[in-house]
N, C-alpha and C. Protein backbone atom coordinates (compact mmCIF):
# COMPACT_ATOMS: atom_id res chain seq x y z
N MET A 1 89.33 83.75 104.06
CA MET A 1 88.10 83.88 104.47
C MET A 1 87.22 83.43 103.31
N ASN A 2 87.68 82.16 102.63
CA ASN A 2 87.34 82.25 101.35
C ASN A 2 86.87 80.91 101.49
N TRP A 3 85.31 80.74 101.25
CA TRP A 3 84.59 79.78 101.67
C TRP A 3 84.29 79.00 100.19
N LYS A 4 84.23 77.46 100.34
CA LYS A 4 83.83 76.42 98.58
C LYS A 4 82.71 76.51 98.74
N LYS A 5 82.33 77.11 97.16
CA LYS A 5 81.07 76.83 96.73
C LYS A 5 80.50 75.25 96.43
N ARG A 6 79.47 74.70 97.11
CA ARG A 6 79.13 73.22 97.50
C ARG A 6 77.98 72.85 96.55
N GLY A 7 77.88 73.87 95.72
CA GLY A 7 76.47 73.60 94.19
C GLY A 7 75.54 74.86 94.44
N GLY A 8 75.31 74.79 93.35
CA GLY A 8 73.67 75.72 93.30
C GLY A 8 74.49 76.98 93.73
N LEU A 9 73.21 77.65 94.31
CA LEU A 9 73.61 79.13 94.72
C LEU A 9 74.74 79.62 95.64
N ASP A 10 75.70 79.97 96.00
CA ASP A 10 76.44 79.97 97.12
C ASP A 10 76.03 81.53 97.86
N TRP A 11 75.96 80.78 99.01
CA TRP A 11 75.77 81.92 99.80
C TRP A 11 76.23 82.68 100.52
N ALA A 12 77.34 82.11 100.49
CA ALA A 12 78.63 82.72 100.95
C ALA A 12 79.13 83.90 100.54
N GLN A 13 78.59 84.05 99.38
CA GLN A 13 78.93 85.22 98.65
C GLN A 13 78.70 86.81 99.10
N PRO A 14 79.47 87.66 98.92
CA PRO A 14 78.84 88.76 99.68
C PRO A 14 77.76 89.62 99.21
N PRO A 15 76.93 89.32 98.34
CA PRO A 15 75.74 89.94 97.87
C PRO A 15 74.76 88.95 98.80
N PHE A 16 75.04 88.12 98.79
CA PHE A 16 73.68 87.55 99.78
C PHE A 16 74.21 87.40 101.42
N ARG A 17 75.12 87.63 101.54
CA ARG A 17 75.25 88.26 102.91
C ARG A 17 74.99 89.46 103.33
N LEU A 18 74.67 90.85 101.94
CA LEU A 18 74.54 91.91 102.20
C LEU A 18 72.80 91.57 102.17
N LEU A 19 72.21 90.90 101.29
CA LEU A 19 70.73 90.78 101.52
C LEU A 19 70.20 90.36 102.92
N PHE A 20 70.84 89.46 103.58
CA PHE A 20 70.56 88.85 104.21
C PHE A 20 70.80 90.25 105.72
N LEU A 21 71.80 90.52 105.92
CA LEU A 21 72.16 91.62 106.52
C LEU A 21 71.06 93.06 106.41
N ALA A 22 70.52 92.95 105.27
CA ALA A 22 69.34 94.10 105.02
C ALA A 22 68.45 93.69 105.06
N LEU A 23 68.09 92.57 105.23
CA LEU A 23 66.43 92.42 106.06
C LEU A 23 66.29 92.40 107.02
N PHE A 24 67.53 92.00 108.25
CA PHE A 24 67.49 92.99 109.05
C PHE A 24 66.78 94.23 109.44
N PHE A 25 67.55 94.79 108.83
CA PHE A 25 67.54 96.14 108.83
C PHE A 25 66.37 96.74 108.49
N LEU A 26 65.62 96.32 107.60
CA LEU A 26 64.36 96.51 107.29
C LEU A 26 63.26 96.05 108.13
N ALA A 27 63.60 95.02 108.87
CA ALA A 27 62.53 94.58 109.99
C ALA A 27 63.01 95.60 111.00
N GLY A 28 64.02 96.02 111.04
CA GLY A 28 64.35 97.12 112.09
C GLY A 28 63.81 98.63 112.27
N ILE A 29 63.14 98.75 110.64
CA ILE A 29 62.79 99.69 110.11
C ILE A 29 61.39 99.94 110.49
N PHE A 30 60.85 98.37 109.99
CA PHE A 30 59.24 98.24 109.97
C PHE A 30 59.10 98.36 111.91
N LEU A 31 60.12 97.69 112.80
CA LEU A 31 59.20 97.69 114.15
C LEU A 31 59.39 99.14 114.86
N GLY A 32 60.67 100.21 114.08
CA GLY A 32 60.46 101.55 114.75
C GLY A 32 59.82 102.16 113.83
N GLN A 33 58.64 102.15 113.43
CA GLN A 33 57.44 102.45 112.73
C GLN A 33 56.33 102.29 113.64
N VAL A 34 55.96 100.73 114.12
CA VAL A 34 55.46 100.53 115.12
C VAL A 34 55.34 101.06 116.43
N PHE A 35 56.58 101.06 117.01
CA PHE A 35 56.96 101.81 118.03
C PHE A 35 56.63 102.61 118.25
N ALA A 36 56.92 103.60 117.13
CA ALA A 36 56.97 105.26 117.20
C ALA A 36 55.25 105.46 117.33
N SER A 37 54.62 104.63 116.34
CA SER A 37 53.20 105.08 116.42
C SER A 37 52.55 104.81 117.63
N ARG A 38 53.10 104.09 118.90
CA ARG A 38 52.69 104.24 120.10
C ARG A 38 53.39 104.93 121.24
N THR A 39 54.09 105.84 120.67
CA THR A 39 54.89 106.78 121.42
C THR A 39 53.84 107.98 121.70
N PRO A 40 53.75 107.95 123.33
CA PRO A 40 52.63 109.59 123.51
C PRO A 40 52.91 110.62 122.79
N ALA A 41 52.03 111.32 123.28
CA ALA A 41 52.13 112.68 122.46
C ALA A 41 52.69 113.61 123.44
N ALA A 42 53.04 113.15 124.45
CA ALA A 42 53.92 113.84 125.58
C ALA A 42 55.31 113.68 125.04
N ALA A 43 55.19 112.80 124.51
CA ALA A 43 57.22 113.15 123.51
C ALA A 43 57.19 113.91 122.33
N GLY A 44 56.18 113.74 121.96
CA GLY A 44 56.39 114.66 120.53
C GLY A 44 56.24 116.53 121.06
N GLU A 45 55.50 116.58 122.30
CA GLU A 45 55.96 117.92 123.02
C GLU A 45 57.16 118.57 123.44
N GLU A 46 57.70 116.96 123.96
CA GLU A 46 59.26 117.28 124.43
C GLU A 46 60.00 117.62 123.15
N LEU A 47 60.09 116.78 122.22
CA LEU A 47 60.97 117.24 120.75
C LEU A 47 60.59 118.56 120.37
N ASP A 48 59.57 119.26 120.33
CA ASP A 48 59.26 120.55 120.19
C ASP A 48 59.83 121.41 120.96
N ARG A 49 59.64 120.82 122.31
CA ARG A 49 60.42 122.01 123.34
C ARG A 49 62.27 122.32 122.94
N TYR A 50 62.48 120.56 122.85
CA TYR A 50 63.90 120.68 122.76
C TYR A 50 64.39 121.49 121.46
N LEU A 51 63.85 121.04 120.42
CA LEU A 51 63.96 122.29 119.41
C LEU A 51 63.88 123.76 119.23
N SER A 52 62.96 124.16 119.82
CA SER A 52 62.45 125.18 120.62
C SER A 52 64.00 125.91 121.50
N ASP A 53 64.11 124.94 122.40
CA ASP A 53 65.17 125.76 123.04
C ASP A 53 66.97 125.34 122.31
N TYR A 54 66.96 125.13 120.88
CA TYR A 54 67.84 124.47 120.35
C TYR A 54 68.12 125.95 119.52
N LEU A 55 67.10 126.72 118.91
CA LEU A 55 67.14 128.43 118.68
C LEU A 55 67.84 129.25 119.16
N GLN A 56 67.89 128.71 120.74
CA GLN A 56 68.50 129.94 122.06
C GLN A 56 70.10 129.57 121.77
N VAL A 57 70.67 128.49 121.34
CA VAL A 57 72.07 128.22 121.74
C VAL A 57 72.43 128.52 120.69
N ASP A 58 74.00 129.10 120.93
CA ASP A 58 74.65 129.81 120.23
C ASP A 58 75.76 128.88 119.05
N SER A 59 75.70 128.73 117.65
CA SER A 59 76.25 127.95 116.74
C SER A 59 77.59 127.82 117.10
N GLY A 60 78.27 126.84 116.98
CA GLY A 60 79.55 126.61 116.82
C GLY A 60 80.23 125.58 117.46
N VAL A 61 81.16 124.84 117.05
CA VAL A 61 81.76 123.49 117.56
C VAL A 61 82.61 123.56 118.90
N SER A 62 81.56 122.64 119.44
CA SER A 62 82.32 122.56 120.41
C SER A 62 83.13 121.20 121.14
N PRO A 63 83.74 120.86 122.31
CA PRO A 63 84.40 119.65 121.83
C PRO A 63 83.56 118.59 122.39
N GLN A 64 82.49 118.93 123.31
CA GLN A 64 80.90 117.82 123.20
C GLN A 64 80.53 117.58 122.21
N ALA A 65 80.39 118.58 121.68
CA ALA A 65 79.52 118.39 120.07
C ALA A 65 80.45 117.52 119.39
N ALA A 66 81.44 117.82 119.13
CA ALA A 66 82.70 116.78 118.74
C ALA A 66 82.31 115.35 119.02
N LEU A 67 82.37 115.36 120.58
CA LEU A 67 82.24 113.72 120.95
C LEU A 67 80.81 113.43 120.60
N ALA A 68 79.93 113.82 120.87
CA ALA A 68 79.29 113.12 120.70
C ALA A 68 78.73 113.15 119.07
N ALA A 69 78.98 113.86 118.05
CA ALA A 69 79.45 113.47 116.59
C ALA A 69 79.66 112.38 116.34
N ALA A 70 81.12 111.92 116.63
CA ALA A 70 81.89 110.77 117.15
C ALA A 70 81.43 109.47 117.14
N VAL A 71 80.40 109.67 118.33
CA VAL A 71 79.95 108.65 118.99
C VAL A 71 78.53 108.62 117.84
N LEU A 72 77.73 109.04 117.48
CA LEU A 72 76.87 108.85 116.43
C LEU A 72 77.62 108.03 114.95
N TYR A 73 78.23 108.76 114.46
CA TYR A 73 78.93 108.35 113.28
C TYR A 73 79.92 107.01 113.26
N PHE A 74 80.38 106.78 114.45
CA PHE A 74 81.10 105.77 114.78
C PHE A 74 80.73 104.32 115.61
N ARG A 75 79.39 104.79 116.15
CA ARG A 75 79.11 103.29 116.81
C ARG A 75 78.78 102.12 116.28
N TYR A 76 78.03 101.75 115.35
CA TYR A 76 77.85 101.47 114.18
C TYR A 76 78.56 100.48 113.63
N PRO A 77 79.16 101.41 112.78
CA PRO A 77 80.36 100.65 111.85
C PRO A 77 81.35 100.16 112.66
N LEU A 78 82.20 100.74 113.45
CA LEU A 78 83.04 100.23 114.46
C LEU A 78 82.30 98.99 115.63
N ALA A 79 81.36 98.76 115.81
CA ALA A 79 81.05 97.67 116.67
C ALA A 79 80.86 96.35 115.40
N ALA A 80 80.37 96.84 114.26
CA ALA A 80 80.37 95.98 113.60
C ALA A 80 81.55 95.11 113.02
N PHE A 81 82.77 95.96 113.17
CA PHE A 81 83.89 95.85 112.81
C PHE A 81 84.31 94.98 113.95
N LEU A 82 84.44 95.24 115.15
CA LEU A 82 84.66 94.59 116.20
C LEU A 82 84.29 93.32 116.11
N LEU A 83 83.05 92.84 115.83
CA LEU A 83 82.34 91.76 116.20
C LEU A 83 83.15 90.68 114.93
N GLY A 84 83.57 91.59 113.97
CA GLY A 84 84.44 90.50 113.19
C GLY A 84 85.58 89.39 113.96
N PHE A 85 85.73 90.20 114.62
CA PHE A 85 87.30 88.95 115.75
C PHE A 85 86.48 88.14 116.57
N ALA A 86 85.00 87.99 116.66
CA ALA A 86 84.46 87.18 117.71
C ALA A 86 83.69 86.19 116.92
N SER A 87 83.35 84.87 117.25
CA SER A 87 82.30 84.15 116.46
C SER A 87 80.81 84.76 116.97
N ILE A 88 80.86 84.98 118.17
CA ILE A 88 79.40 85.28 118.37
C ILE A 88 78.52 86.48 117.52
N GLY A 89 79.79 87.06 116.64
CA GLY A 89 79.47 88.10 115.98
C GLY A 89 78.35 87.58 114.85
N VAL A 90 78.65 86.29 114.28
CA VAL A 90 77.20 85.66 113.90
C VAL A 90 75.74 86.02 114.08
N LEU A 91 75.65 86.20 115.34
CA LEU A 91 73.92 86.16 115.76
C LEU A 91 74.24 87.62 116.15
N LEU A 92 75.15 88.29 116.66
CA LEU A 92 75.20 89.75 117.41
C LEU A 92 75.06 90.83 115.98
N LEU A 93 75.63 90.07 114.59
CA LEU A 93 75.53 91.41 113.79
C LEU A 93 74.26 91.50 112.88
N PRO A 94 73.81 90.81 113.11
CA PRO A 94 72.22 90.79 112.49
C PRO A 94 71.42 91.20 113.64
N VAL A 95 71.34 91.22 115.02
CA VAL A 95 71.02 92.00 116.13
C VAL A 95 71.39 93.61 116.27
N LEU A 96 72.54 93.88 115.49
CA LEU A 96 73.16 95.05 115.58
C LEU A 96 72.36 95.99 114.11
N THR A 97 72.44 94.87 112.98
CA THR A 97 71.99 95.81 112.09
C THR A 97 70.59 96.28 112.18
N GLY A 98 69.66 94.96 112.97
CA GLY A 98 67.86 95.34 113.25
C GLY A 98 67.99 96.42 114.06
N ALA A 99 68.83 96.42 115.28
CA ALA A 99 68.73 97.83 116.09
C ALA A 99 69.47 99.23 115.49
N PHE A 100 70.06 99.56 114.33
CA PHE A 100 70.42 100.19 113.48
C PHE A 100 69.44 100.69 112.81
N GLY A 101 68.40 99.94 112.27
CA GLY A 101 67.28 100.31 111.55
C GLY A 101 66.19 100.81 112.19
N PHE A 102 65.83 100.19 113.50
CA PHE A 102 64.85 100.21 114.13
C PHE A 102 65.24 101.59 114.92
N PHE A 103 66.11 102.05 115.67
CA PHE A 103 66.54 103.23 116.36
C PHE A 103 66.33 105.01 114.92
N LEU A 104 66.83 104.45 113.86
CA LEU A 104 66.31 105.51 112.88
C LEU A 104 65.49 105.38 112.66
N SER A 105 64.50 104.68 112.30
CA SER A 105 62.91 104.38 111.94
C SER A 105 62.52 105.30 113.54
N PHE A 106 62.75 105.10 114.13
CA PHE A 106 62.02 105.55 115.47
C PHE A 106 62.28 107.09 115.58
N SER A 107 63.32 107.38 115.25
CA SER A 107 63.82 108.86 115.49
C SER A 107 62.92 109.62 114.12
N VAL A 108 62.87 109.32 112.88
CA VAL A 108 62.40 109.96 111.96
C VAL A 108 60.79 109.94 112.40
N CYS A 109 60.22 108.64 112.88
CA CYS A 109 58.71 108.86 112.93
C CYS A 109 58.34 109.31 113.90
N CYS A 110 59.11 109.79 114.68
CA CYS A 110 58.83 110.93 116.11
C CYS A 110 59.28 112.21 115.40
N PHE A 111 59.79 112.84 114.42
CA PHE A 111 59.38 113.71 114.03
C PHE A 111 58.48 114.02 113.31
N THR A 112 58.33 113.12 112.27
CA THR A 112 56.94 113.21 111.68
C THR A 112 55.62 112.93 112.72
N ALA A 113 55.62 112.40 113.71
CA ALA A 113 54.64 112.36 114.36
C ALA A 113 54.28 113.66 115.19
N ALA A 114 55.49 114.71 115.62
CA ALA A 114 55.71 115.84 116.59
C ALA A 114 55.38 116.79 115.55
N PHE A 115 55.78 116.79 114.25
CA PHE A 115 55.51 118.12 113.06
C PHE A 115 54.77 117.91 112.19
N GLY A 116 54.36 116.45 111.65
CA GLY A 116 53.48 116.48 110.22
C GLY A 116 54.63 116.48 109.28
N SER A 117 54.20 116.86 108.23
CA SER A 117 54.70 117.08 106.84
C SER A 117 56.01 117.60 107.20
N ASP A 118 56.26 118.75 108.30
CA ASP A 118 57.31 119.50 108.51
C ASP A 118 58.38 118.83 109.04
N GLY A 119 58.20 117.71 109.49
CA GLY A 119 58.86 116.80 110.38
C GLY A 119 59.60 116.01 109.46
N VAL A 120 59.41 115.45 108.45
CA VAL A 120 60.01 114.71 106.85
C VAL A 120 61.20 115.56 107.12
N LEU A 121 61.21 117.12 106.40
CA LEU A 121 62.33 118.28 106.62
C LEU A 121 63.66 118.10 107.41
N LEU A 122 62.90 118.28 108.85
CA LEU A 122 63.74 118.51 110.09
C LEU A 122 64.40 117.27 110.14
N ALA A 123 63.59 115.52 109.62
CA ALA A 123 64.11 114.64 109.91
C ALA A 123 65.82 114.28 108.87
N LEU A 124 65.26 114.91 107.96
CA LEU A 124 66.42 115.16 106.67
C LEU A 124 67.46 115.83 107.19
N ALA A 125 67.29 117.10 107.91
CA ALA A 125 68.48 118.03 108.19
C ALA A 125 69.25 117.36 109.41
N VAL A 126 68.29 116.73 110.35
CA VAL A 126 69.15 116.15 111.24
C VAL A 126 69.87 114.77 110.99
N PHE A 127 69.14 113.85 110.21
CA PHE A 127 69.75 112.77 109.79
C PHE A 127 70.40 112.17 108.31
N GLY A 128 69.89 113.19 107.93
CA GLY A 128 70.14 113.00 106.16
C GLY A 128 71.98 112.49 105.40
N LEU A 129 72.70 113.86 106.30
CA LEU A 129 73.89 113.61 106.11
C LEU A 129 74.52 112.63 106.39
N ARG A 130 74.07 112.25 107.77
CA ARG A 130 75.08 111.07 108.87
C ARG A 130 74.07 109.71 107.87
N CYS A 131 72.94 109.36 107.97
CA CYS A 131 72.97 108.17 107.16
C CYS A 131 73.09 108.39 105.73
N ALA A 132 73.39 108.97 104.88
CA ALA A 132 74.65 108.95 103.83
C ALA A 132 75.63 108.52 103.80
N VAL A 133 76.29 108.86 105.32
CA VAL A 133 77.57 108.01 104.91
C VAL A 133 77.86 107.17 105.81
N THR A 134 77.44 106.85 106.68
CA THR A 134 76.88 105.98 108.22
C THR A 134 76.45 104.55 107.39
N LEU A 135 75.57 104.78 106.59
CA LEU A 135 74.85 103.41 106.36
C LEU A 135 75.55 102.48 105.13
N PRO A 136 76.47 103.19 104.06
CA PRO A 136 77.21 102.70 103.52
C PRO A 136 78.69 101.97 104.08
N CYS A 137 78.92 102.86 104.60
CA CYS A 137 79.84 102.33 105.86
C CYS A 137 79.98 100.81 106.98
N TYR A 138 78.67 100.97 107.00
CA TYR A 138 78.30 99.98 108.44
C TYR A 138 78.25 98.75 107.41
N PHE A 139 77.77 98.85 106.24
CA PHE A 139 77.54 97.69 105.72
C PHE A 139 78.97 97.05 104.79
N LEU A 140 79.65 98.09 104.49
CA LEU A 140 80.90 97.68 104.02
C LEU A 140 81.64 96.80 105.27
N LEU A 141 81.51 97.02 105.98
CA LEU A 141 82.66 96.82 107.37
C LEU A 141 81.68 95.70 107.98
N ALA A 142 80.34 95.43 108.06
CA ALA A 142 79.26 94.29 108.17
C ALA A 142 79.46 93.45 107.60
N VAL A 143 79.65 93.13 106.69
CA VAL A 143 79.66 92.19 105.30
C VAL A 143 80.71 91.31 105.66
N PRO A 144 82.27 91.90 105.73
CA PRO A 144 82.83 90.97 106.02
C PRO A 144 83.01 90.48 107.28
N SER A 145 82.73 91.65 107.88
CA SER A 145 82.66 90.89 109.44
C SER A 145 81.97 89.73 109.71
N TRP A 146 80.32 89.53 109.32
CA TRP A 146 79.89 88.64 109.25
C TRP A 146 80.41 87.42 108.79
N GLU A 147 81.36 87.42 107.25
CA GLU A 147 81.98 86.17 106.99
C GLU A 147 82.97 85.24 107.80
N ALA A 148 83.50 86.81 108.83
CA ALA A 148 84.80 86.69 109.25
C ALA A 148 84.39 85.52 110.72
N SER A 149 83.25 86.03 111.21
CA SER A 149 82.82 85.65 112.13
C SER A 149 82.30 84.03 112.08
N ALA A 150 81.45 83.60 110.99
CA ALA A 150 81.15 82.61 110.77
C ALA A 150 82.20 81.70 110.72
N ALA A 151 83.31 82.10 109.93
CA ALA A 151 84.30 81.56 109.55
C ALA A 151 84.96 81.06 110.92
N LEU A 152 85.10 81.67 112.00
CA LEU A 152 85.83 81.63 113.42
C LEU A 152 84.58 80.50 114.63
N ILE A 153 83.24 80.96 113.71
CA ILE A 153 82.30 79.46 114.57
C ILE A 153 82.40 77.96 113.62
N SER A 154 82.80 78.10 112.32
CA SER A 154 82.72 76.93 112.21
C SER A 154 84.54 76.20 112.68
N LEU A 155 85.06 77.04 112.91
CA LEU A 155 86.64 76.73 113.66
C LEU A 155 86.39 76.25 115.20
N SER A 156 85.37 76.60 115.77
CA SER A 156 84.90 76.32 117.18
C SER A 156 84.28 75.02 117.24
N PHE A 157 83.64 74.48 116.00
CA PHE A 157 82.60 73.51 116.61
C PHE A 157 83.26 72.09 115.73
N GLY A 158 84.55 72.18 115.70
CA GLY A 158 85.37 71.19 115.39
C GLY A 158 85.95 70.56 113.60
N ARG A 159 85.73 71.60 113.05
CA ARG A 159 85.68 71.54 111.64
C ARG A 159 86.91 72.54 111.11
N GLY A 160 87.74 72.69 112.01
CA GLY A 160 89.17 73.76 111.96
C GLY A 160 89.78 72.81 110.92
N ARG A 161 90.01 71.40 110.84
CA ARG A 161 91.14 70.72 109.77
C ARG A 161 90.27 71.22 108.47
N ARG A 162 89.15 71.67 107.91
CA ARG A 162 88.61 71.49 106.80
C ARG A 162 88.20 73.02 106.67
N ALA A 163 88.33 73.92 107.65
CA ALA A 163 87.87 74.99 107.02
C ALA A 163 89.13 75.96 107.24
N ALA A 164 88.89 77.02 106.32
CA ALA A 164 89.96 78.09 106.16
C ALA A 164 90.47 78.81 106.73
N PRO A 165 91.45 79.07 107.40
CA PRO A 165 92.04 80.00 108.35
C PRO A 165 91.00 81.29 108.39
N VAL A 166 91.00 81.99 109.41
CA VAL A 166 90.49 83.39 109.43
C VAL A 166 91.66 84.37 109.01
N ILE A 167 92.02 84.86 108.12
CA ILE A 167 93.47 85.98 108.19
C ILE A 167 92.80 87.15 107.93
N TYR A 168 93.23 88.43 108.48
CA TYR A 168 92.38 89.74 108.73
C TYR A 168 94.09 90.46 107.69
N GLY A 169 93.71 90.20 106.69
CA GLY A 169 94.97 90.80 106.02
C GLY A 169 94.64 92.33 105.27
N ARG A 170 95.66 92.66 104.54
CA ARG A 170 95.35 93.76 103.88
C ARG A 170 94.14 94.62 103.63
N ASP A 171 93.03 93.72 103.09
CA ASP A 171 92.26 94.34 102.79
C ASP A 171 90.90 94.48 103.84
N TRP A 172 91.24 93.76 104.88
CA TRP A 172 90.57 94.31 106.14
C TRP A 172 90.78 95.44 106.96
N TRP A 173 92.15 95.60 106.98
CA TRP A 173 92.42 96.83 107.53
C TRP A 173 92.67 97.99 106.39
N SER A 174 92.66 97.80 105.03
CA SER A 174 92.13 98.88 104.08
C SER A 174 90.83 99.60 103.95
N ARG A 175 89.69 98.36 104.03
CA ARG A 175 88.86 98.63 104.02
C ARG A 175 88.41 99.74 105.37
N LEU A 176 88.61 99.31 106.49
CA LEU A 176 88.90 100.00 108.06
C LEU A 176 89.49 101.49 107.70
N GLY A 177 90.35 101.85 107.05
CA GLY A 177 91.08 103.32 107.25
C GLY A 177 90.03 103.59 106.04
N LEU A 178 89.60 102.89 104.83
CA LEU A 178 88.49 104.11 104.09
C LEU A 178 87.27 104.41 104.86
N VAL A 179 86.98 103.69 105.36
CA VAL A 179 85.55 103.98 106.10
C VAL A 179 85.88 105.08 107.64
N THR A 180 87.03 104.80 107.93
CA THR A 180 87.46 105.78 109.00
C THR A 180 87.44 107.29 108.50
N GLY A 181 88.31 107.35 107.33
CA GLY A 181 88.28 108.54 106.56
C GLY A 181 86.94 108.94 106.01
N LEU A 182 85.67 108.10 105.83
CA LEU A 182 84.54 108.76 105.08
C LEU A 182 83.79 109.34 106.43
N LEU A 183 83.80 108.85 107.46
CA LEU A 183 83.10 108.45 108.93
C LEU A 183 83.72 110.24 109.20
N LEU A 184 84.70 110.62 109.02
CA LEU A 184 85.53 111.59 109.92
C LEU A 184 85.01 113.03 108.98
N ALA A 185 84.93 112.50 107.38
CA ALA A 185 84.83 113.55 106.57
C ALA A 185 82.98 114.18 106.95
N GLY A 186 82.48 113.10 107.20
CA GLY A 186 81.17 113.26 107.23
C GLY A 186 80.55 113.96 108.35
N MET A 187 81.52 113.32 109.28
CA MET A 187 81.30 114.18 111.20
C MET A 187 81.35 115.53 110.72
N CYS A 188 82.67 115.56 110.26
CA CYS A 188 83.04 117.04 110.23
C CYS A 188 82.29 118.12 109.52
N ALA A 189 81.64 117.72 108.22
CA ALA A 189 80.90 118.44 107.59
C ALA A 189 79.27 118.59 108.17
N GLU A 190 78.96 117.41 108.64
CA GLU A 190 77.97 117.69 109.93
C GLU A 190 77.82 119.03 110.99
N LEU A 191 78.87 118.39 111.56
CA LEU A 191 79.47 119.82 112.64
C LEU A 191 79.16 121.36 112.22
N MET A 192 79.63 121.58 110.64
CA MET A 192 79.94 122.55 110.31
C MET A 192 78.48 123.01 109.29
N LEU A 193 77.78 121.92 108.72
CA LEU A 193 76.59 122.32 108.01
C LEU A 193 74.96 122.05 108.50
N SER A 194 75.22 120.86 109.15
CA SER A 194 74.00 120.63 109.90
C SER A 194 73.09 121.81 110.76
N PRO A 195 73.94 122.02 111.41
CA PRO A 195 73.45 122.64 112.87
C PRO A 195 72.85 124.58 112.32
N GLU A 196 73.19 124.56 111.15
CA GLU A 196 72.65 126.05 110.57
C GLU A 196 71.49 125.78 109.55
N LEU A 197 71.54 124.64 108.77
CA LEU A 197 70.37 124.36 108.46
C LEU A 197 69.66 123.95 108.97
N LEU A 198 69.58 123.34 110.49
CA LEU A 198 68.85 122.72 111.11
C LEU A 198 67.94 124.50 111.16
N ARG A 199 68.60 124.93 111.99
CA ARG A 199 68.45 126.51 112.56
C ARG A 199 67.06 127.36 111.46
N ILE A 200 67.94 127.40 110.15
CA ILE A 200 66.96 128.11 109.46
C ILE A 200 66.10 127.25 109.67
N LEU A 201 65.74 125.82 108.70
CA LEU A 201 64.62 125.44 108.78
C LEU A 201 63.54 125.29 110.03
N LEU A 202 63.97 125.59 111.57
CA LEU A 202 63.53 125.98 112.91
C LEU A 202 62.55 127.38 112.87
N GLU A 203 63.23 128.21 112.17
CA GLU A 203 63.19 129.93 112.49
C GLU A 203 62.15 129.76 111.15
N ARG A 204 61.53 129.07 110.01
CA ARG A 204 60.69 128.85 109.51
C ARG A 204 59.77 128.40 110.04
N LEU A 205 59.86 127.28 110.88
CA LEU A 205 58.40 126.30 111.27
C LEU A 205 57.78 126.82 112.30
N MET A 206 58.95 127.35 113.46
CA MET A 206 58.62 127.81 114.51
C MET A 206 58.67 129.37 114.71
N PRO A 207 58.34 130.27 114.05
CA PRO A 207 58.49 131.59 114.57
C PRO A 207 58.27 132.30 115.44
């Protein structure tokens, strides 16, 4: 999956692909803030009731909680990885990256809208560890996947004789293994630490 430099800046290099996808992520964050500002006040009241009810739930790791955490941790990185096997990933990966930024920003803004400055701490307790793990893992998979998708689409449009073959070699699968390990470690840490941290914050903010 090596593209040759044609002169000037080599826009096929990983830093430029990362920058391109990061711009979509930032655009998603901006749109999330815009939409969150238009969220009805009732949504904040529902969030307040949800967090109040959370205090009444016994802590502990259940199969349902583990499954939900797995979905939250793996959905975007896994989708990015799979799109590397399809030429349509050239279009869908930027959209997926924007959606990642949008829903993250929207969720954080809902916390701040409902609880003011205290919402920042609550959002950090809920999303902090997850973002610290999933964001780098996502881009670690999305950047090479976008390169692979671009190579596939170049083959599809009649340039197969000149384009390098798309090879999913050892680096490709080693990267997936590394990301899987990091996501599992982050998921386990969140299941053990985040509920108690959130509970402590809620007890202080909503006595």
